[in-house]
Amino acid sequence: MNFLDLFANAQAWIFETIVQPLVFQIGLGEFVEDAFHGVEWFLMGVCELLVLYMLLRPLEALIPVHKITDRSARWNDFIYTALHRLGIFSVAIFLLLDPLLDSLTAELHLQGMNPFNLENLWPTMLEYPVLVFCIYLLVLDFFDYWYHRAEHQFNWWWALHSLHHSQRNMNLWSDNRNHLFDDILRDIYMGLIAIAIGVQPGQYLTLVVLSRMLQSLQHANVRIHFGRIGEYLLVSPRYHRTHHAIGVGHETHGKGSIGGHNFAVLFPIWDVLFGSALFIQEYSMTGIRDQLVAPEGRSRDYGRGFFSQQWLGIKRLFGRDGPEQQVVASKETP
């Protein structure tokens, strides 16, 4: 029995034994088919977590950029990753948006408007599934670049996104360390783009998983780059680490001015084309300038636990977080 058979059997068993009875018991029978796909997301997430831990954790131990000085912060990042990779967050978003999207689709059909399909522009490309997949990946990454860049251009958006940059001990779990409100906005945005260009649900799952795996590598605490040419082809840990560098990745015109460099999510070509690329050979220390103590910074506290980080993000959004709060010193761990 191969892996795909094991995966399918596990999905069927979990759905039939646990999920399906629960769905009917709580009166959500109309979502039973979606619940089956939710189990698929969950199992894919479990596989992701296992693969990431087995591949990247040993690399972090062998070729780290820096010593982890706050292991509790790394565990906190794992909570974010588990919420996203196990499908918990995605299922919650789906249950909220599904009725709205169904209504919108029905209205468009009544008006005689059919969803745009990128494949219709070049029908013969359907003969090359790998090519179709790569085109979708490239298009979605283009829009993801502009979303990410916007997070660094508007003060209210940076107030939320800055949580992601506040990790001083960046590690393989740091990719999903985001404010939940920001994640909701991005999931809606990327989902609508995918629907608009004709991505099918099965394709979208594969595209998301591949993108997430690569982004976990980018955030890992590893001394890895892709060489003189490779750095221009795919975002490496060194390239993305520059984006997280104190005073570099989140600033453009000096202290306190939001902006930055290296916004590309997967392909650096967008940074090159739109003037935001910065190729350096250093492995910079990560964080935000205003986390530092005076005179370099303002000792701003971004929170140490999941709930405090989310709450402080809301307070920053409304300018109520008190930037002069004292940062709790990290404890050195062996």
C-alpha atoms as a PDB file:
ATOM      1  CA  MET A   1       0.000   0.000   0.000  1.00  0.00           C
ATOM      2  CA  ASN A   2       1.510   3.346  -1.055  1.00  0.00           C
ATOM      3  CA  PHE A   3       1.318   6.720   0.684  1.00  0.00           C
ATOM      4  CA  LEU A   4      -1.683   7.952  -1.312  1.00  0.00           C
ATOM      5  CA  ASP A   5      -3.672   4.860  -0.350  1.00  0.00           C
ATOM      6  CA  LEU A   6      -2.765   5.300   3.314  1.00  0.00           C
ATOM      7  CA  PHE A   7      -3.732   8.966   3.128  1.00  0.00           C
ATOM      8  CA  ALA A   8      -7.093   8.205   1.510  1.00  0.00           C
ATOM      9  CA  ASN A   9      -7.861   5.449   4.031  1.00  0.00           C
ATOM     10  CA  ALA A  10      -6.964   7.720   6.954  1.00  0.00           C
ATOM     11  CA  GLN A  11      -9.134  10.508   5.539  1.00  0.00           C
ATOM     12  CA  ALA A  12     -12.106   8.152   5.098  1.00  0.00           C
ATOM     13  CA  TRP A  13     -11.723   6.653   8.588  1.00  0.00           C
ATOM     14  CA  ILE A  14     -11.450  10.031  10.383  1.00  0.00           C
ATOM     15  CA  PHE A  15     -14.396  11.413   8.428  1.00  0.00           C
ATOM     16  CA  GLU A  16     -16.700   8.429   8.898  1.00  0.00           C
ATOM     17  CA  THR A  17     -15.771   7.759  12.525  1.00  0.00           C
ATOM     18  CA  ILE A  18     -15.429  11.255  13.982  1.00  0.00           C
ATOM     19  CA  VAL A  19     -16.261  14.145  11.684  1.00  0.00           C
ATOM     20  CA  GLN A  20     -19.433  13.044   9.898  1.00  0.00           C
ATOM     21  CA  PRO A  21     -21.308  12.039  13.084  1.00  0.00           C
ATOM     22  CA  LEU A  22     -20.249  15.302  14.737  1.00  0.00           C
ATOM     23  CA  VAL A  23     -21.369  17.414  11.768  1.00  0.00           C
ATOM     24  CA  PHE A  24     -24.857  15.875  11.828  1.00  0.00           C
ATOM     25  CA  GLN A  25     -25.052  16.032  15.611  1.00  0.00           C
ATOM     26  CA  ILE A  26     -24.515  19.810  15.665  1.00  0.00           C
ATOM     27  CA  GLY A  27     -26.964  20.364  12.807  1.00  0.00           C
ATOM     28  CA  LEU A  28     -24.560  21.268  10.008  1.00  0.00           C
ATOM     29  CA  GLY A  29     -25.447  18.453   7.626  1.00  0.00           C
ATOM     30  CA  GLU A  30     -25.350  20.785   4.614  1.00  0.00           C
ATOM     31  CA  PHE A  31     -21.597  21.130   5.159  1.00  0.00           C
ATOM     32  CA  VAL A  32     -20.851  17.403   5.187  1.00  0.00           C
ATOM     33  CA  GLU A  33     -19.079  17.453   1.820  1.00  0.00           C
ATOM     34  CA  ASP A  34     -17.011  20.439   2.872  1.00  0.00           C
ATOM     35  CA  ALA A  35     -16.194  18.673   6.126  1.00  0.00           C
ATOM     36  CA  PHE A  36     -14.750  15.788   4.098  1.00  0.00           C
ATOM     37  CA  HIS A  37     -12.418  18.241   2.347  1.00  0.00           C
ATOM     38  CA  GLY A  38     -11.648  19.752   5.751  1.00  0.00           C
ATOM     39  CA  VAL A  39     -10.307  16.375   6.872  1.00  0.00           C
ATOM     40  CA  GLU A  40      -8.062  16.419   3.802  1.00  0.00           C
ATOM     41  CA  TRP A  41      -6.715  19.846   4.826  1.00  0.00           C
ATOM     42  CA  PHE A  42      -6.123  18.523   8.346  1.00  0.00           C
ATOM     43  CA  LEU A  43      -4.184  15.463   7.203  1.00  0.00           C
ATOM     44  CA  MET A  44      -2.144  17.514   4.727  1.00  0.00           C
ATOM     45  CA  GLY A  45      -1.295  19.822   7.609  1.00  0.00           C
ATOM     46  CA  VAL A  46      -0.174  16.920   9.791  1.00  0.00           C
ATOM     47  CA  CYS A  47       2.072  15.706   6.990  1.00  0.00           C
ATOM     48  CA  GLU A  48       3.461  19.223   6.534  1.00  0.00           C
ATOM     49  CA  LEU A  49       4.325  19.576  10.207  1.00  0.00           C
ATOM     50  CA  LEU A  50       6.078  16.209  10.270  1.00  0.00           C
ATOM     51  CA  VAL A  51       8.066  16.875   7.087  1.00  0.00           C
ATOM     52  CA  LEU A  52       9.069  20.372   8.227  1.00  0.00           C
ATOM     53  CA  TYR A  53      10.221  19.106  11.602  1.00  0.00           C
ATOM     54  CA  MET A  54      12.185  16.177  10.169  1.00  0.00           C
ATOM     55  CA  LEU A  55      13.892  18.238   7.457  1.00  0.00           C
ATOM     56  CA  LEU A  56      14.331  21.741   8.852  1.00  0.00           C
ATOM     57  CA  ARG A  57      14.792  21.152  12.571  1.00  0.00           C
ATOM     58  CA  PRO A  58      18.050  19.175  12.061  1.00  0.00           C
ATOM     59  CA  LEU A  59      19.304  21.893   9.697  1.00  0.00           C
ATOM     60  CA  GLU A  60      18.579  24.544  12.313  1.00  0.00           C
ATOM     61  CA  ALA A  61      20.705  22.560  14.745  1.00  0.00           C
ATOM     62  CA  LEU A  62      23.548  21.988  12.257  1.00  0.00           C
ATOM     63  CA  ILE A  63      23.846  25.363  10.495  1.00  0.00           C
ATOM     64  CA  PRO A  64      22.001  27.984  12.571  1.00  0.00           C
ATOM     65  CA  VAL A  65      22.297  31.696  11.919  1.00  0.00           C
ATOM     66  CA  HIS A  66      21.999  32.481  15.620  1.00  0.00           C
ATOM     67  CA  LYS A  67      21.424  30.748  18.921  1.00  0.00           C
ATOM     68  CA  ILE A  68      17.782  30.566  19.989  1.00  0.00           C
ATOM     69  CA  THR A  69      17.583  32.712  23.126  1.00  0.00           C
ATOM     70  CA  ASP A  70      13.866  32.336  23.806  1.00  0.00           C
ATOM     71  CA  ARG A  71      12.499  28.842  23.266  1.00  0.00           C
ATOM     72  CA  SER A  72       9.054  29.838  24.511  1.00  0.00           C
ATOM     73  CA  ALA A  73       8.839  32.250  21.561  1.00  0.00           C
ATOM     74  CA  ARG A  74       9.549  29.356  19.206  1.00  0.00           C
ATOM     75  CA  TRP A  75       6.832  27.264  20.830  1.00  0.00           C
ATOM     76  CA  ASN A  76       4.459  30.203  20.477  1.00  0.00           C
ATOM     77  CA  ASP A  77       5.229  30.338  16.751  1.00  0.00           C
ATOM     78  CA  PHE A  78       4.389  26.630  16.558  1.00  0.00           C
ATOM     79  CA  ILE A  79       0.886  27.413  17.885  1.00  0.00           C
ATOM     80  CA  TYR A  80       0.347  29.792  14.970  1.00  0.00           C
ATOM     81  CA  THR A  81       1.650  27.199  12.514  1.00  0.00           C
ATOM     82  CA  ALA A  82      -0.564  24.425  13.895  1.00  0.00           C
ATOM     83  CA  LEU A  83      -3.653  26.644  13.698  1.00  0.00           C
ATOM     84  CA  HIS A  84      -2.992  27.305  10.024  1.00  0.00           C
ATOM     85  CA  ARG A  85      -1.490  24.056   8.781  1.00  0.00           C
ATOM     86  CA  LEU A  86      -4.048  21.767  10.452  1.00  0.00           C
ATOM     87  CA  GLY A  87      -6.868  23.590   8.696  1.00  0.00           C
ATOM     88  CA  ILE A  88      -8.494  24.942  11.869  1.00  0.00           C
ATOM     89  CA  PHE A  89      -8.203  28.542  10.746  1.00  0.00           C
ATOM     90  CA  SER A  90      -9.067  27.768   7.105  1.00  0.00           C
ATOM     91  CA  VAL A  91     -12.207  25.813   8.070  1.00  0.00           C
ATOM     92  CA  ALA A  92     -13.393  28.648  10.323  1.00  0.00           C
ATOM     93  CA  ILE A  93     -12.902  31.183   7.519  1.00  0.00           C
ATOM     94  CA  PHE A  94     -14.685  28.904   5.077  1.00  0.00           C
ATOM     95  CA  LEU A  95     -17.751  28.503   7.307  1.00  0.00           C
ATOM     96  CA  LEU A  96     -18.010  32.280   7.546  1.00  0.00           C
ATOM     97  CA  LEU A  97     -17.499  33.025   3.846  1.00  0.00           C
ATOM     98  CA  ASP A  98     -19.110  30.060   2.108  1.00  0.00           C
ATOM     99  CA  PRO A  99     -22.724  31.398   2.213  1.00  0.00           C
ATOM    100  CA  LEU A 100     -21.557  34.785   0.895  1.00  0.00           C
ATOM    101  CA  LEU A 101     -19.524  33.269  -1.947  1.00  0.00           C
ATOM    102  CA  ASP A 102     -22.379  30.959  -2.922  1.00  0.00           C
ATOM    103  CA  SER A 103     -24.767  33.901  -3.097  1.00  0.00           C
ATOM    104  CA  LEU A 104     -22.311  35.932  -5.167  1.00  0.00           C
ATOM    105  CA  THR A 105     -21.718  33.056  -7.612  1.00  0.00           C
ATOM    106  CA  ALA A 106     -25.454  32.446  -8.031  1.00  0.00           C
ATOM    107  CA  GLU A 107     -26.060  36.141  -8.728  1.00  0.00           C
ATOM    108  CA  LEU A 108     -23.308  36.223 -11.351  1.00  0.00           C
ATOM    109  CA  HIS A 109     -24.809  33.209 -13.111  1.00  0.00           C
ATOM    110  CA  LEU A 110     -28.232  34.891 -13.120  1.00  0.00           C
ATOM    111  CA  GLN A 111     -26.625  37.886 -14.814  1.00  0.00           C
ATOM    112  CA  GLY A 112     -25.094  35.616 -17.432  1.00  0.00           C
ATOM    113  CA  MET A 113     -21.564  36.083 -16.137  1.00  0.00           C
ATOM    114  CA  ASN A 114     -19.373  32.988 -15.940  1.00  0.00           C
ATOM    115  CA  PRO A 115     -16.153  32.901 -13.895  1.00  0.00           C
ATOM    116  CA  PHE A 116     -13.010  33.797 -15.830  1.00  0.00           C
ATOM    117  CA  ASN A 117     -10.666  30.898 -16.431  1.00  0.00           C
ATOM    118  CA  LEU A 118      -6.999  31.538 -17.164  1.00  0.00           C
ATOM    119  CA  GLU A 119      -6.800  28.235 -19.031  1.00  0.00           C
ATOM    120  CA  ASN A 120      -9.258  29.555 -21.651  1.00  0.00           C
ATOM    121  CA  LEU A 121      -6.653  32.051 -22.841  1.00  0.00           C
ATOM    122  CA  TRP A 122      -4.467  29.171 -24.004  1.00  0.00           C
ATOM    123  CA  PRO A 123      -6.570  25.976 -24.239  1.00  0.00           C
ATOM    124  CA  THR A 124      -3.679  23.814 -25.405  1.00  0.00           C
ATOM    125  CA  MET A 125      -1.868  24.301 -22.113  1.00  0.00           C
ATOM    126  CA  LEU A 126      -4.372  21.889 -20.559  1.00  0.00           C
ATOM    127  CA  GLU A 127      -2.278  19.175 -22.167  1.00  0.00           C
ATOM    128  CA  TYR A 128       0.565  20.135 -19.816  1.00  0.00           C
ATOM    129  CA  PRO A 129      -0.700  19.951 -16.188  1.00  0.00           C
ATOM    130  CA  VAL A 130       2.702  20.889 -14.742  1.00  0.00           C
ATOM    131  CA  LEU A 131       2.767  24.026 -16.897  1.00  0.00           C
ATOM    132  CA  VAL A 132      -0.756  24.951 -15.773  1.00  0.00           C
ATOM    133  CA  PHE A 133       0.283  24.499 -12.153  1.00  0.00           C
ATOM    134  CA  CYS A 134       3.381  26.689 -12.591  1.00  0.00           C
ATOM    135  CA  ILE A 135       1.403  29.466 -14.297  1.00  0.00           C
ATOM    136  CA  TYR A 136      -1.140  29.518 -11.492  1.00  0.00           C
ATOM    137  CA  LEU A 137       1.676  29.577  -8.933  1.00  0.00           C
ATOM    138  CA  LEU A 138       3.341  32.495 -10.708  1.00  0.00           C
ATOM    139  CA  VAL A 139       0.116  34.512 -11.027  1.00  0.00           C
ATOM    140  CA  LEU A 140      -0.888  33.972  -7.403  1.00  0.00           C
ATOM    141  CA  ASP A 141       2.614  34.901  -6.265  1.00  0.00           C
ATOM    142  CA  PHE A 142       2.426  38.146  -8.255  1.00  0.00           C
ATOM    143  CA  PHE A 143      -0.714  39.200  -6.394  1.00  0.00           C
ATOM    144  CA  ASP A 144       0.736  37.960  -3.097  1.00  0.00           C
ATOM    145  CA  TYR A 145       3.753  40.238  -3.665  1.00  0.00           C
ATOM    146  CA  TRP A 146       1.518  43.307  -3.903  1.00  0.00           C
ATOM    147  CA  TYR A 147      -0.493  42.275  -0.866  1.00  0.00           C
ATOM    148  CA  HIS A 148       2.707  41.879   1.147  1.00  0.00           C
ATOM    149  CA  ARG A 149       4.094  45.170  -0.106  1.00  0.00           C
ATOM    150  CA  ALA A 150       0.855  46.939   0.869  1.00  0.00           C
ATOM    151  CA  GLU A 151       1.249  45.616   4.416  1.00  0.00           C
ATOM    152  CA  HIS A 152       4.438  47.670   4.596  1.00  0.00           C
ATOM    153  CA  GLN A 153       3.025  50.841   2.990  1.00  0.00           C
ATOM    154  CA  PHE A 154       0.044  51.741   5.163  1.00  0.00           C
ATOM    155  CA  ASN A 155       0.367  52.510   8.872  1.00  0.00           C
ATOM    156  CA  TRP A 156      -2.802  50.666   9.896  1.00  0.00           C
ATOM    157  CA  TRP A 157      -1.748  47.559   7.967  1.00  0.00           C
ATOM    158  CA  TRP A 158       1.783  47.662   9.338  1.00  0.00           C
ATOM    159  CA  ALA A 159       0.285  47.860  12.835  1.00  0.00           C
ATOM    160  CA  LEU A 160      -0.991  44.330  12.244  1.00  0.00           C
ATOM    161  CA  HIS A 161       1.790  42.918  10.061  1.00  0.00           C
ATOM    162  CA  SER A 162       4.511  44.137  12.424  1.00  0.00           C
ATOM    163  CA  LEU A 163       3.663  41.198  14.696  1.00  0.00           C
ATOM    164  CA  HIS A 164       5.161  38.928  12.039  1.00  0.00           C
ATOM    165  CA  HIS A 165       8.387  40.970  12.039  1.00  0.00           C
ATOM    166  CA  SER A 166       8.700  41.202  15.815  1.00  0.00           C
ATOM    167  CA  GLN A 167      10.211  37.716  16.179  1.00  0.00           C
ATOM    168  CA  ARG A 168      13.841  38.201  17.261  1.00  0.00           C
ATOM    169  CA  ASN A 169      14.379  34.415  17.233  1.00  0.00           C
ATOM    170  CA  MET A 170      13.105  33.664  13.717  1.00  0.00           C
ATOM    171  CA  ASN A 171      12.696  29.939  13.114  1.00  0.00           C
ATOM    172  CA  LEU A 172      11.013  27.352  10.916  1.00  0.00           C
ATOM    173  CA  TRP A 173       7.618  27.987  12.593  1.00  0.00           C
ATOM    174  CA  SER A 174       7.677  31.786  12.181  1.00  0.00           C
ATOM    175  CA  ASP A 175       5.926  31.969   8.806  1.00  0.00           C
ATOM    176  CA  ASN A 176       2.412  31.869  10.309  1.00  0.00           C
ATOM    177  CA  ARG A 177       3.159  34.248  13.190  1.00  0.00           C
ATOM    178  CA  ASN A 178       0.590  36.802  11.995  1.00  0.00           C
ATOM    179  CA  HIS A 179      -2.314  38.760  13.349  1.00  0.00           C
ATOM    180  CA  LEU A 180      -5.491  36.790  12.715  1.00  0.00           C
ATOM    181  CA  PHE A 181      -7.292  39.795  11.253  1.00  0.00           C
ATOM    182  CA  ASP A 182      -4.489  40.230   8.733  1.00  0.00           C
ATOM    183  CA  ASP A 183      -4.698  36.518   7.893  1.00  0.00           C
ATOM    184  CA  ILE A 184      -8.447  36.826   7.294  1.00  0.00           C
ATOM    185  CA  LEU A 185      -7.855  39.668   4.847  1.00  0.00           C
ATOM    186  CA  ARG A 186      -5.161  37.725   3.014  1.00  0.00           C
ATOM    187  CA  ASP A 187      -7.182  34.495   2.846  1.00  0.00           C
ATOM    188  CA  ILE A 188     -10.136  36.374   1.347  1.00  0.00           C
ATOM    189  CA  TYR A 189      -7.880  38.219  -1.108  1.00  0.00           C
ATOM    190  CA  MET A 190      -5.971  35.148  -2.295  1.00  0.00           C
ATOM    191  CA  GLY A 191      -9.105  33.009  -2.415  1.00  0.00           C
ATOM    192  CA  LEU A 192     -10.906  35.532  -4.612  1.00  0.00           C
ATOM    193  CA  ILE A 193      -7.887  35.824  -6.915  1.00  0.00           C
ATOM    194  CA  ALA A 194      -7.742  32.023  -7.229  1.00  0.00           C
ATOM    195  CA  ILE A 195     -11.455  31.854  -8.065  1.00  0.00           C
ATOM    196  CA  ALA A 196     -11.113  34.725 -10.544  1.00  0.00           C
ATOM    197  CA  ILE A 197      -8.415  32.969 -12.576  1.00  0.00           C
ATOM    198  CA  GLY A 198     -10.145  29.587 -12.505  1.00  0.00           C
ATOM    199  CA  VAL A 199      -8.105  27.597  -9.967  1.00  0.00           C
ATOM    200  CA  GLN A 200      -9.922  24.424  -8.945  1.00  0.00           C
ATOM    201  CA  PRO A 201     -10.187  23.477  -5.226  1.00  0.00           C
ATOM    202  CA  GLY A 202      -7.814  20.528  -5.581  1.00  0.00           C
ATOM    203  CA  GLN A 203      -5.278  22.658  -7.412  1.00  0.00           C
ATOM    204  CA  TYR A 204      -5.570  25.398  -4.817  1.00  0.00           C
ATOM    205  CA  LEU A 205      -4.818  22.988  -1.977  1.00  0.00           C
ATOM    206  CA  THR A 206      -1.645  21.815  -3.720  1.00  0.00           C
ATOM    207  CA  LEU A 207      -0.597  25.385  -4.540  1.00  0.00           C
ATOM    208  CA  VAL A 208      -1.114  26.483  -0.932  1.00  0.00           C
ATOM    209  CA  VAL A 209       0.794  23.523   0.515  1.00  0.00           C
ATOM    210  CA  LEU A 210       3.792  24.044  -1.779  1.00  0.00           C
ATOM    211  CA  SER A 211       3.880  27.778  -1.036  1.00  0.00           C
ATOM    212  CA  ARG A 212       3.653  27.189   2.720  1.00  0.00           C
ATOM    213  CA  MET A 213       6.461  24.644   2.706  1.00  0.00           C
ATOM    214  CA  LEU A 214       8.754  27.021   0.845  1.00  0.00           C
ATOM    215  CA  GLN A 215       7.881  29.881   3.177  1.00  0.00           C
ATOM    216  CA  SER A 216       8.722  27.742   6.201  1.00  0.00           C
ATOM    217  CA  LEU A 217      12.167  27.154   4.695  1.00  0.00           C
ATOM    218  CA  GLN A 218      12.550  30.914   4.141  1.00  0.00           C
ATOM    219  CA  HIS A 219      11.942  31.636   7.815  1.00  0.00           C
ATOM    220  CA  ALA A 220      14.102  28.824   9.166  1.00  0.00           C
ATOM    221  CA  ASN A 221      17.132  29.671  11.293  1.00  0.00           C
ATOM    222  CA  VAL A 222      19.565  28.239   8.735  1.00  0.00           C
ATOM    223  CA  ARG A 223      22.593  29.542   6.837  1.00  0.00           C
ATOM    224  CA  ILE A 224      21.295  28.691   3.388  1.00  0.00           C
ATOM    225  CA  HIS A 225      21.309  30.600   0.124  1.00  0.00           C
ATOM    226  CA  PHE A 226      20.769  29.481  -3.476  1.00  0.00           C
ATOM    227  CA  GLY A 227      23.899  30.838  -5.132  1.00  0.00           C
ATOM    228  CA  ARG A 228      24.532  33.728  -7.474  1.00  0.00           C
ATOM    229  CA  ILE A 229      21.840  32.741  -9.974  1.00  0.00           C
ATOM    230  CA  GLY A 230      19.486  30.841  -7.683  1.00  0.00           C
ATOM    231  CA  GLU A 231      18.963  33.875  -5.456  1.00  0.00           C
ATOM    232  CA  TYR A 232      17.190  35.520  -8.408  1.00  0.00           C
ATOM    233  CA  LEU A 233      14.989  32.496  -9.069  1.00  0.00           C
ATOM    234  CA  LEU A 234      13.580  31.539  -5.668  1.00  0.00           C
ATOM    235  CA  VAL A 235      13.380  33.329  -2.326  1.00  0.00           C
ATOM    236  CA  SER A 236      16.036  31.807  -0.068  1.00  0.00           C
ATOM    237  CA  PRO A 237      16.378  31.943   3.734  1.00  0.00           C
ATOM    238  CA  ARG A 238      19.137  34.554   3.373  1.00  0.00           C
ATOM    239  CA  TYR A 239      17.130  36.698   0.950  1.00  0.00           C
ATOM    240  CA  HIS A 240      14.027  36.629   3.145  1.00  0.00           C
ATOM    241  CA  ARG A 241      16.047  37.157   6.299  1.00  0.00           C
ATOM    242  CA  THR A 242      17.084  40.522   4.845  1.00  0.00           C
ATOM    243  CA  HIS A 243      13.387  41.364   4.672  1.00  0.00           C
ATOM    244  CA  HIS A 244      13.170  40.688   8.418  1.00  0.00           C
ATOM    245  CA  ALA A 245      16.390  42.558   9.236  1.00  0.00           C
ATOM    246  CA  ILE A 246      16.199  45.316  11.832  1.00  0.00           C
ATOM    247  CA  GLY A 247      16.055  48.692  10.119  1.00  0.00           C
ATOM    248  CA  VAL A 248      16.270  47.177   6.625  1.00  0.00           C
ATOM    249  CA  GLY A 249      13.360  44.925   5.795  1.00  0.00           C
ATOM    250  CA  HIS A 250      10.680  47.179   7.253  1.00  0.00           C
ATOM    251  CA  GLU A 251      12.160  50.649   6.660  1.00  0.00           C
ATOM    252  CA  THR A 252      12.906  52.570   3.483  1.00  0.00           C
ATOM    253  CA  HIS A 253      13.683  56.165   4.296  1.00  0.00           C
ATOM    254  CA  GLY A 254      15.278  55.940   7.708  1.00  0.00           C
ATOM    255  CA  LYS A 255      14.027  55.520  11.244  1.00  0.00           C
ATOM    256  CA  GLY A 256      10.309  55.236  11.690  1.00  0.00           C
ATOM    257  CA  SER A 257       9.470  55.208   7.962  1.00  0.00           C
ATOM    258  CA  ILE A 258       7.644  52.081   6.881  1.00  0.00           C
ATOM    259  CA  GLY A 259       8.528  50.410   3.611  1.00  0.00           C
ATOM    260  CA  GLY A 260      11.420  48.016   3.133  1.00  0.00           C
ATOM    261  CA  HIS A 261      12.852  45.469   0.726  1.00  0.00           C
ATOM    262  CA  ASN A 262      12.411  41.893  -0.500  1.00  0.00           C
ATOM    263  CA  PHE A 263       8.628  41.610  -0.397  1.00  0.00           C
ATOM    264  CA  ALA A 264       8.531  38.652  -2.812  1.00  0.00           C
ATOM    265  CA  VAL A 265       6.839  35.601  -1.325  1.00  0.00           C
ATOM    266  CA  LEU A 266       8.288  32.945  -3.660  1.00  0.00           C
ATOM    267  CA  PHE A 267       9.913  34.541  -6.702  1.00  0.00           C
ATOM    268  CA  PRO A 268      12.381  37.456  -6.343  1.00  0.00           C
ATOM    269  CA  ILE A 269      11.631  38.535  -9.916  1.00  0.00           C
ATOM    270  CA  TRP A 270       8.829  40.761  -8.596  1.00  0.00           C
ATOM    271  CA  ASP A 271      11.264  42.637  -6.333  1.00  0.00           C
ATOM    272  CA  VAL A 272      13.684  42.996  -9.234  1.00  0.00           C
ATOM    273  CA  LEU A 273      11.017  44.273 -11.631  1.00  0.00           C
ATOM    274  CA  PHE A 274       9.455  46.718  -9.178  1.00  0.00           C
ATOM    275  CA  GLY A 275      12.611  48.034  -7.532  1.00  0.00           C
ATOM    276  CA  SER A 276      12.362  46.510  -4.050  1.00  0.00           C
ATOM    277  CA  ALA A 277      15.130  43.871  -4.268  1.00  0.00           C
ATOM    278  CA  LEU A 278      18.128  44.014  -1.944  1.00  0.00           C
ATOM    279  CA  PHE A 279      20.738  41.279  -2.384  1.00  0.00           C
ATOM    280  CA  ILE A 280      23.280  41.154   0.437  1.00  0.00           C
ATOM    281  CA  GLN A 281      25.497  38.331   1.658  1.00  0.00           C
ATOM    282  CA  GLU A 282      24.932  38.924   5.366  1.00  0.00           C
ATOM    283  CA  TYR A 283      22.600  36.907   7.575  1.00  0.00           C
ATOM    284  CA  SER A 284      21.039  39.774   9.501  1.00  0.00           C
ATOM    285  CA  MET A 285      19.531  39.740  12.971  1.00  0.00           C
ATOM    286  CA  THR A 286      15.757  40.032  12.842  1.00  0.00           C
ATOM    287  CA  GLY A 287      13.202  42.223  14.555  1.00  0.00           C
ATOM    288  CA  ILE A 288      11.849  45.780  14.470  1.00  0.00           C
ATOM    289  CA  ARG A 289      13.812  48.888  15.339  1.00  0.00           C
ATOM    290  CA  ASP A 290      11.282  50.179  17.881  1.00  0.00           C
ATOM    291  CA  GLN A 291      11.679  46.964  19.905  1.00  0.00           C
ATOM    292  CA  LEU A 292      15.193  48.064  20.818  1.00  0.00           C
ATOM    293  CA  VAL A 293      15.870  50.103  23.937  1.00  0.00           C
ATOM    294  CA  ALA A 294      16.614  53.814  23.693  1.00  0.00           C
ATOM    295  CA  PRO A 295      18.304  55.513  21.982  1.00  0.00           C
ATOM    296  CA  GLU A 296      18.099  52.954  19.118  1.00  0.00           C
ATOM    297  CA  GLY A 297      14.414  52.168  19.702  1.00  0.00           C
ATOM    298  CA  ARG A 298      11.418  52.783  21.945  1.00  0.00           C
ATOM    299  CA  SER A 299      11.156  49.490  23.857  1.00  0.00           C
ATOM    300  CA  ARG A 300       7.827  48.688  22.229  1.00  0.00           C
ATOM    301  CA  ASP A 301       6.258  45.483  23.482  1.00  0.00           C
ATOM    302  CA  TYR A 302       4.757  43.171  20.841  1.00  0.00           C
ATOM    303  CA  GLY A 303       3.693  40.523  23.363  1.00  0.00           C
ATOM    304  CA  ARG A 304       5.097  37.171  24.356  1.00  0.00           C
ATOM    305  CA  GLY A 305       2.076  34.884  24.122  1.00  0.00           C
ATOM    306  CA  PHE A 306      -0.546  34.271  21.444  1.00  0.00           C
ATOM    307  CA  PHE A 307      -3.369  36.229  23.088  1.00  0.00           C
ATOM    308  CA  SER A 308      -1.225  39.153  24.212  1.00  0.00           C
ATOM    309  CA  GLN A 309       0.226  39.453  20.695  1.00  0.00           C
ATOM    310  CA  GLN A 310      -3.244  39.498  19.150  1.00  0.00           C
ATOM    311  CA  TRP A 311      -4.524  42.052  21.671  1.00  0.00           C
ATOM    312  CA  LEU A 312      -1.538  44.351  21.282  1.00  0.00           C
ATOM    313  CA  GLY A 313      -2.005  44.192  17.510  1.00  0.00           C
ATOM    314  CA  ILE A 314      -5.543  45.534  17.896  1.00  0.00           C
ATOM    315  CA  LYS A 315      -4.279  48.266  20.232  1.00  0.00           C
ATOM    316  CA  ARG A 316      -1.567  49.238  17.727  1.00  0.00           C
ATOM    317  CA  LEU A 317      -4.207  49.399  15.026  1.00  0.00           C
ATOM    318  CA  PHE A 318      -6.010  52.094  17.009  1.00  0.00           C
ATOM    319  CA  GLY A 319      -2.844  53.713  18.339  1.00  0.00           C
ATOM    320  CA  ARG A 320      -3.476  52.562  21.916  1.00  0.00           C
ATOM    321  CA  ASP A 321      -0.648  50.130  22.560  1.00  0.00           C
ATOM    322  CA  GLY A 322       1.697  52.508  24.394  1.00  0.00           C
ATOM    323  CA  PRO A 323       4.993  52.215  22.476  1.00  0.00           C
ATOM    324  CA  GLU A 324       7.034  53.029  25.564  1.00  0.00           C
ATOM    325  CA  GLN A 325       6.082  49.786  27.332  1.00  0.00           C
ATOM    326  CA  GLN A 326       8.992  47.861  28.733  1.00  0.00           C
ATOM    327  CA  VAL A 327       9.922  44.756  26.759  1.00  0.00           C
ATOM    328  CA  VAL A 328      10.203  41.643  28.918  1.00  0.00           C
ATOM    329  CA  ALA A 329      13.782  40.406  28.704  1.00  0.00           C
ATOM    330  CA  SER A 330      14.249  37.036  27.060  1.00  0.00           C
ATOM    331  CA  LYS A 331      15.751  34.348  29.218  1.00  0.00           C
ATOM    332  CA  GLU A 332      18.856  32.679  27.871  1.00  0.00           C
ATOM    333  CA  THR A 333      18.242  28.978  27.345  1.00  0.00           C
ATOM    334  CA  PRO A 334      20.811  26.284  26.737  1.00  0.00           C
END
